Amino acid sequence: MKIVVGGQMDKQILANLITKYGCGRVEVSIKSDIEAALAIQTNQAQYYFGACATGAGGALAMAIGLVGPQHCVSISIPGKIMQEEEIRSAVRNGKKCFGFVNYDADKVIPVLLDEILKK
């Protein structure tokens, strides 16, 4: 399984967390926003993770534009993280692109990967 990291902040930290919680079953690539979104659009990767200060704009703007809003979700914004079941439901319902606030990465990536790896 391939996951691309886009967004505006802490890309290496995200990649390290994805590798840690990917249990050896995930290949991670750090890309520019447009390259990451194109990788999803062309099926070169299955999931996109992006972080920024708001969890939406810089994290997901390119993905929303190229992949479509129906495949994207902000799972955290400043001061609010989706409940774990909402995150899991987003994965089960076919979301491919996940945006979140950079300082929430260590809280949301383990949940995302746990659910993604069940597929």
Protein backbone atom coordinates (compact mmCIF):
# COMPACT_ATOMS: atom_id res chain seq x y z
CA MET A 1 0.00 0.00 0.00
CA LYS A 2 1.28 3.45 -0.88
CA ILE A 3 0.63 6.60 1.10
CA VAL A 4 1.76 10.03 -0.06
CA VAL A 5 2.43 12.90 2.29
CA GLY A 6 1.55 16.38 1.07
CA GLY A 7 0.36 19.42 2.95
CA GLN A 8 2.38 22.34 4.19
CA MET A 9 3.86 21.30 7.53
CA ASP A 10 5.91 18.59 9.19
CA LYS A 11 5.99 16.22 6.22
CA GLN A 12 8.92 14.22 7.59
CA ILE A 13 7.21 13.81 10.97
CA LEU A 14 4.08 12.53 9.23
CA ALA A 15 6.14 10.11 7.14
CA ASN A 16 7.91 8.81 10.24
CA LEU A 17 4.59 8.24 12.04
CA ILE A 18 3.10 6.50 9.00
CA THR A 19 6.12 4.22 8.82
CA LYS A 20 5.93 3.52 12.56
CA TYR A 21 2.22 2.65 12.56
CA GLY A 22 2.22 1.06 9.10
CA CYS A 23 3.61 -2.17 10.53
CA GLY A 24 5.87 -2.74 7.53
CA ARG A 25 2.86 -2.81 5.19
CA VAL A 26 3.03 0.78 3.95
CA GLU A 27 5.30 2.56 1.49
CA VAL A 28 5.52 6.29 2.22
CA SER A 29 6.54 9.08 -0.15
CA ILE A 30 6.89 12.77 0.65
CA LYS A 31 5.78 14.95 -2.24
CA SER A 32 4.70 18.46 -3.07
CA ASP A 33 0.96 19.03 -2.75
CA ILE A 34 0.35 18.78 -6.46
CA GLU A 35 2.52 15.68 -6.89
CA ALA A 36 0.80 13.97 -3.96
CA ALA A 37 -2.69 14.77 -5.24
CA LEU A 38 -1.75 13.62 -8.74
CA ALA A 39 -0.47 10.33 -7.28
CA ILE A 40 -3.94 9.73 -5.83
CA GLN A 41 -5.71 10.89 -8.98
CA THR A 42 -3.66 8.50 -11.15
CA ASN A 43 -3.86 5.57 -8.69
CA GLN A 44 -0.11 5.58 -8.04
CA ALA A 45 -0.93 5.81 -4.32
CA GLN A 46 -3.97 4.81 -2.32
CA TYR A 47 -3.98 7.47 0.43
CA TYR A 48 -2.92 11.09 0.96
CA PHE A 49 -2.07 12.56 4.36
CA GLY A 50 -1.50 16.28 4.71
CA ALA A 51 -0.97 18.64 7.63
CA CYS A 52 -1.11 22.38 8.05
CA ALA A 53 -2.01 24.93 10.71
CA THR A 54 -5.77 24.68 9.99
CA GLY A 55 -6.20 21.06 8.92
CA ALA A 56 -7.94 22.06 5.71
CA GLY A 57 -6.46 24.73 3.41
CA GLY A 58 -2.77 23.91 3.11
CA ALA A 59 -3.37 20.30 4.05
CA LEU A 60 -6.04 19.47 1.47
CA ALA A 61 -6.49 22.25 -1.11
CA MET A 62 -4.72 20.47 -3.98
CA ALA A 63 -6.32 17.13 -3.13
CA ILE A 64 -9.78 18.68 -3.11
CA GLY A 65 -9.08 20.34 -6.45
CA LEU A 66 -7.60 17.31 -8.22
CA VAL A 67 -9.15 14.30 -6.51
CA GLY A 68 -12.49 15.87 -5.56
CA PRO A 69 -14.10 16.86 -2.27
CA GLN A 70 -15.98 13.57 -2.05
CA HIS A 71 -12.65 11.79 -1.42
CA CYS A 72 -11.27 14.29 1.12
CA VAL A 73 -11.88 15.03 4.78
CA SER A 74 -10.40 17.29 7.44
CA ILE A 75 -10.13 15.14 10.51
CA SER A 76 -8.86 17.87 12.78
CA ILE A 77 -9.01 21.63 12.94
CA PRO A 78 -7.48 23.84 15.65
CA GLY A 79 -8.97 22.75 18.97
CA LYS A 80 -11.12 19.90 17.58
CA ILE A 81 -10.34 16.37 16.45
CA MET A 82 -12.98 14.04 15.02
CA GLN A 83 -14.05 11.28 17.34
CA GLU A 84 -12.24 8.00 16.67
CA GLU A 85 -15.36 6.35 15.24
CA GLU A 86 -15.85 9.27 12.83
CA ILE A 87 -12.27 8.86 11.59
CA ARG A 88 -12.76 5.13 11.14
CA SER A 89 -16.06 5.72 9.36
CA ALA A 90 -14.40 8.15 6.94
CA VAL A 91 -11.91 5.43 5.95
CA ARG A 92 -14.66 2.80 5.62
CA ASN A 93 -16.73 5.21 3.51
CA GLY A 94 -13.99 5.59 0.92
CA LYS A 95 -12.19 8.78 1.87
CA LYS A 96 -8.64 8.74 0.49
CA CYS A 97 -7.26 12.14 1.42
CA PHE A 98 -6.94 13.18 5.05
CA GLY A 99 -6.05 16.63 6.32
CA PHE A 100 -5.30 17.54 9.90
CA VAL A 101 -3.54 20.07 12.07
CA ASN A 102 0.17 19.25 12.22
CA TYR A 103 0.25 18.96 16.03
CA ASP A 104 -2.57 16.35 15.94
CA ALA A 105 -0.59 13.93 13.76
CA ASP A 106 0.44 11.66 16.62
CA LYS A 107 -3.23 11.31 17.64
CA VAL A 108 -4.86 10.76 14.25
CA ILE A 109 -2.30 8.76 12.26
CA PRO A 110 -2.46 5.67 14.53
CA VAL A 111 -6.26 5.57 14.17
CA LEU A 112 -6.16 6.15 10.42
CA LEU A 113 -3.59 3.44 9.83
CA ASP A 114 -5.29 0.95 12.13
CA GLU A 115 -8.48 1.30 10.08
CA ILE A 116 -6.73 1.46 6.68
CA LEU A 117 -4.76 -1.71 7.41
CA LYS A 118 -8.00 -3.60 8.12
CA LYS A 119 -8.93 -3.32 4.45
